[in-house]
Amino acid sequence: MKIIGFEKLTLVDYPEKVAAILFTGGCNMRCPYCHNGELVLHPDLFPPFSDDKIFSYLKKRKGVLDAVVISGGEPTLQSGLKEYVKKIKDTGLLVKLDTNGTRPDVVEDLVSSSLLDYVAMDVKNSLESYAMTCGVEDFDTSSVEETISFLKEGRVAYEFRTTVTRETHAEKNFISLASLLEGAEAYYLQNFVPNENTIVKGFSPMSYEELNNYMGILRKTIGNVQLRNI
């Protein structure tokens, strides 16, 4: 595992837990509004953190930390992910995985091996708008659909989440998403926050009124729908 980002403390990335975040580099998507553009496009520019440094910190702060979040980039592309997660679990900390859902086999294996305590899956958009939103021409959504179906089985605590921009999302998308994610445990709409690290410039957030309208659509089929970044 190559860890190229390390945030030692966060109160917002694992619900109701105090966590550290580890970032991997590289991704199989090119979402134009991605706020970790450098991690995605130029992971080799970042020197990796040593295992000794990371695990020394985790063990030292075990009384303060509840969990570790593995994010990216896309962590499921890392060949050593399973062994790395097991090493974290052996410290007694919980593990949350952030994923785009394109490697359902990896997610299912980690859950089946009791190595994950929480999964956050980024659902980029309605299926018909996925390619445009994730920046991959002719994107095949079958892997995403498989991961969604697996998580909805409830074998691990999970959430779905969508980063919403004015340029990529509209009401019709959330009508489709209400069907795709029907019965989900939790779904978060994350309003886009403008920053200088996006892959493509020119994206903008939605108003509270617009997001509230989308929540009303989604709550017809999903019980727990919340907003972030408002």
Protein backbone atom coordinates (compact mmCIF):
# COMPACT_ATOMS: atom_id res chain seq x y z
CA MET A 1 0.00 0.00 0.00
CA LYS A 2 1.20 3.47 -0.89
CA ILE A 3 -0.23 6.11 1.42
CA ILE A 4 0.40 9.60 0.07
CA GLY A 5 -1.86 11.63 2.36
CA PHE A 6 -2.32 11.44 6.12
CA GLU A 7 -4.78 13.56 8.10
CA LYS A 8 -4.25 12.83 11.75
CA LEU A 9 -7.62 13.84 13.12
CA THR A 10 -11.11 14.35 11.73
CA LEU A 11 -14.49 14.60 13.43
CA VAL A 12 -16.60 14.63 10.24
CA ASP A 13 -15.45 11.76 8.01
CA TYR A 14 -16.73 8.82 10.07
CA PRO A 15 -20.19 9.40 11.59
CA GLU A 16 -20.00 9.83 15.36
CA LYS A 17 -16.36 8.70 15.49
CA VAL A 18 -12.98 10.35 15.91
CA ALA A 19 -10.80 9.19 13.05
CA ALA A 20 -7.58 9.58 11.11
CA ILE A 21 -7.66 9.56 7.29
CA LEU A 22 -5.23 7.81 4.98
CA PHE A 23 -5.24 8.82 1.30
CA THR A 24 -4.16 6.61 -1.58
CA GLY A 25 -3.28 7.96 -5.02
CA GLY A 26 -4.66 7.22 -8.46
CA CYS A 27 -8.21 6.64 -9.62
CA ASN A 28 -10.07 4.98 -12.48
CA MET A 29 -12.39 7.98 -12.78
CA ARG A 30 -11.75 11.58 -13.77
CA CYS A 31 -14.64 13.42 -12.14
CA PRO A 32 -14.05 16.99 -13.37
CA TYR A 33 -15.12 18.55 -10.05
CA CYS A 34 -12.93 16.21 -7.94
CA HIS A 35 -11.30 18.20 -5.13
CA ASN A 36 -8.38 15.74 -4.87
CA GLY A 37 -7.26 16.31 -8.44
CA GLU A 38 -3.53 16.14 -7.70
CA LEU A 39 -3.91 12.80 -5.90
CA VAL A 40 -5.82 11.43 -8.89
CA LEU A 41 -3.71 12.81 -11.74
CA HIS A 42 -0.22 13.04 -10.24
CA PRO A 43 0.11 10.57 -7.35
CA ASP A 44 3.81 10.07 -8.01
CA LEU A 45 4.49 13.67 -7.00
CA PHE A 46 3.65 12.83 -3.38
CA PRO A 47 6.23 11.03 -1.23
CA PRO A 48 4.64 8.08 0.58
CA PHE A 49 4.25 7.92 4.34
CA SER A 50 6.08 5.02 5.96
CA ASP A 51 4.13 2.28 7.71
CA ASP A 52 6.23 2.91 10.81
CA LYS A 53 5.15 6.55 10.99
CA ILE A 54 1.47 5.78 10.43
CA PHE A 55 1.16 2.83 12.79
CA SER A 56 3.28 4.46 15.48
CA TYR A 57 0.83 7.36 15.46
CA LEU A 58 -2.24 5.09 15.43
CA LYS A 59 -1.02 3.09 18.40
CA LYS A 60 -0.02 6.22 20.31
CA ARG A 61 -3.42 7.84 19.75
CA LYS A 62 -5.56 4.75 20.21
CA GLY A 63 -7.19 6.17 23.32
CA VAL A 64 -8.31 9.23 21.31
CA LEU A 65 -9.00 7.71 17.89
CA ASP A 66 -11.90 5.38 17.25
CA ALA A 67 -11.24 4.64 13.60
CA VAL A 68 -9.23 5.01 10.43
CA VAL A 69 -10.75 6.14 7.12
CA ILE A 70 -9.10 4.88 3.94
CA SER A 71 -9.84 7.28 1.10
CA GLY A 72 -8.31 8.50 -2.12
CA GLY A 73 -8.13 8.52 -5.07
CA GLU A 74 -9.68 5.05 -5.22
CA PRO A 75 -8.34 2.71 -2.52
CA THR A 76 -9.72 -0.51 -4.05
CA LEU A 77 -7.18 -0.20 -6.88
CA GLN A 78 -4.37 -0.85 -4.37
CA SER A 79 -3.12 -4.44 -4.51
CA GLY A 80 -2.17 -4.54 -0.82
CA LEU A 81 -5.42 -3.12 0.53
CA LYS A 82 -6.71 -6.23 2.29
CA GLU A 83 -3.48 -6.86 4.19
CA TYR A 84 -3.24 -3.19 5.12
CA VAL A 85 -6.80 -3.07 6.45
CA LYS A 86 -6.14 -6.21 8.49
CA LYS A 87 -3.10 -4.54 10.01
CA ILE A 88 -5.24 -1.56 11.04
CA LYS A 89 -7.92 -3.82 12.47
CA ASP A 90 -5.26 -5.60 14.52
CA THR A 91 -4.65 -2.31 16.36
CA GLY A 92 -8.25 -2.42 17.59
CA LEU A 93 -9.44 0.53 15.52
CA LEU A 94 -12.52 0.59 13.30
CA VAL A 95 -12.03 0.93 9.54
CA LYS A 96 -14.13 2.93 7.09
CA LEU A 97 -13.61 2.65 3.34
CA ASP A 98 -14.41 5.43 0.87
CA THR A 99 -14.95 4.01 -2.61
CA ASN A 100 -16.44 4.79 -6.01
CA GLY A 101 -17.87 1.28 -6.17
CA THR A 102 -16.09 0.14 -9.33
CA ARG A 103 -14.45 -2.86 -7.64
CA PRO A 104 -17.38 -4.77 -6.11
CA ASP A 105 -15.27 -7.91 -5.72
CA VAL A 106 -12.82 -6.05 -3.46
CA VAL A 107 -15.58 -4.51 -1.33
CA GLU A 108 -17.39 -7.84 -0.98
CA ASP A 109 -14.18 -9.65 0.00
CA LEU A 110 -13.30 -7.08 2.66
CA VAL A 111 -16.81 -7.18 4.13
CA SER A 112 -16.96 -10.99 4.02
CA SER A 113 -13.62 -11.09 5.84
CA SER A 114 -15.02 -8.82 8.61
CA LEU A 115 -12.40 -6.18 7.84
CA LEU A 116 -14.68 -3.19 7.30
CA ASP A 117 -16.95 -1.45 9.79
CA TYR A 118 -18.36 1.22 7.47
CA VAL A 119 -18.40 1.87 3.72
CA ALA A 120 -19.10 5.21 2.06
CA MET A 121 -19.81 4.84 -1.65
CA ASP A 122 -19.79 7.83 -3.97
CA VAL A 123 -22.75 7.50 -6.34
CA LYS A 124 -21.79 10.03 -8.96
CA ASN A 125 -25.15 10.55 -10.65
CA SER A 126 -28.09 8.72 -12.19
CA LEU A 127 -26.93 5.87 -14.41
CA GLU A 128 -27.73 7.66 -17.65
CA SER A 129 -25.49 10.59 -16.62
CA TYR A 130 -22.63 8.60 -15.10
CA ALA A 131 -20.13 8.85 -17.96
CA MET A 132 -20.46 12.62 -18.14
CA THR A 133 -20.16 13.01 -14.38
CA CYS A 134 -17.25 10.65 -13.74
CA GLY A 135 -15.26 11.84 -16.75
CA VAL A 136 -14.95 8.43 -18.43
CA GLU A 137 -16.38 8.09 -21.93
CA ASP A 138 -18.75 5.11 -22.41
CA PHE A 139 -18.49 4.23 -18.71
CA ASP A 140 -20.01 0.82 -17.92
CA THR A 141 -22.17 1.22 -14.80
CA SER A 142 -22.56 -2.51 -14.10
CA SER A 143 -19.83 -2.56 -11.43
CA VAL A 144 -21.38 0.43 -9.69
CA GLU A 145 -24.81 -1.20 -9.74
CA GLU A 146 -23.34 -4.41 -8.30
CA THR A 147 -21.73 -2.58 -5.39
CA ILE A 148 -24.95 -0.67 -4.70
CA SER A 149 -26.93 -3.92 -4.61
CA PHE A 150 -24.37 -5.57 -2.33
CA LEU A 151 -24.31 -2.71 0.18
CA LYS A 152 -28.10 -2.58 0.28
CA GLU A 153 -28.02 -6.14 1.62
CA GLY A 154 -26.92 -4.54 4.91
CA ARG A 155 -23.95 -6.78 5.70
CA VAL A 156 -21.95 -3.71 6.77
CA ALA A 157 -22.92 -0.22 7.88
CA TYR A 158 -22.85 2.05 4.85
CA GLU A 159 -23.89 5.29 3.24
CA PHE A 160 -24.31 6.45 -0.33
CA ARG A 161 -23.37 10.02 -1.15
CA THR A 162 -23.43 12.31 -4.15
CA THR A 163 -21.44 15.49 -4.63
CA VAL A 164 -23.85 17.88 -6.32
CA THR A 165 -22.86 20.61 -8.75
CA ARG A 166 -25.08 22.89 -10.76
CA GLU A 167 -23.35 21.81 -13.96
CA THR A 168 -23.78 18.03 -13.53
CA HIS A 169 -27.05 17.50 -11.65
CA ALA A 170 -30.70 18.35 -12.16
CA GLU A 171 -34.07 17.23 -10.81
CA LYS A 172 -34.42 14.41 -13.38
CA ASN A 173 -31.22 12.84 -12.03
CA PHE A 174 -32.60 12.62 -8.52
CA ILE A 175 -35.86 11.11 -9.72
CA SER A 176 -33.74 8.30 -11.23
CA LEU A 177 -31.54 8.07 -8.13
CA ALA A 178 -34.60 7.71 -5.91
CA SER A 179 -35.38 4.52 -7.81
CA LEU A 180 -31.80 3.24 -7.98
CA LEU A 181 -31.17 3.72 -4.24
CA GLU A 182 -34.64 2.80 -2.98
CA GLY A 183 -34.53 1.43 0.56
CA ALA A 184 -30.93 2.56 1.18
CA GLU A 185 -29.73 2.87 4.77
CA ALA A 186 -28.45 6.44 4.39
CA TYR A 187 -27.91 8.89 1.54
CA TYR A 188 -26.10 12.21 1.73
CA LEU A 189 -26.18 15.05 -0.76
CA GLN A 190 -22.86 16.87 -0.53
CA ASN A 191 -23.00 20.35 -1.94
CA PHE A 192 -19.95 21.13 -4.06
CA VAL A 193 -17.40 23.38 -2.36
CA PRO A 194 -15.39 25.43 -4.89
CA ASN A 195 -11.62 25.09 -4.57
CA GLU A 196 -8.50 25.43 -6.69
CA ASN A 197 -7.62 21.72 -6.76
CA THR A 198 -10.43 20.47 -9.02
CA ILE A 199 -9.50 18.64 -12.22
CA VAL A 200 -11.58 21.07 -14.29
CA LYS A 201 -12.48 24.62 -13.27
CA GLY A 202 -15.87 26.28 -13.48
CA PHE A 203 -18.14 24.21 -11.22
CA SER A 204 -20.56 25.76 -8.76
CA PRO A 205 -22.72 24.68 -5.81
CA MET A 206 -26.50 24.44 -5.60
CA SER A 207 -28.72 26.63 -3.43
CA TYR A 208 -30.26 25.26 -0.25
CA GLU A 209 -33.70 25.53 -1.85
CA GLU A 210 -32.64 23.37 -4.80
CA LEU A 211 -31.06 20.75 -2.59
CA ASN A 212 -34.08 20.71 -0.32
CA ASN A 213 -36.25 20.00 -3.36
CA TYR A 214 -34.01 17.07 -4.31
CA MET A 215 -34.21 15.73 -0.76
CA GLY A 216 -37.99 15.75 -0.99
CA ILE A 217 -37.80 13.59 -4.12
CA LEU A 218 -35.33 11.17 -2.54
CA ARG A 219 -37.22 10.82 0.74
CA LYS A 220 -40.11 9.21 -1.11
CA THR A 221 -38.00 6.03 -1.37
CA ILE A 222 -35.11 6.54 1.10
CA GLY A 223 -35.77 7.10 4.79
CA ASN A 224 -32.56 8.83 5.83
CA VAL A 225 -31.53 11.61 3.42
CA GLN A 226 -29.31 14.41 4.71
CA LEU A 227 -27.34 17.41 3.45
CA ARG A 228 -23.65 18.16 3.86
CA ASN A 229 -21.65 21.31 3.11
CA ILE A 230 -24.52 23.76 3.63
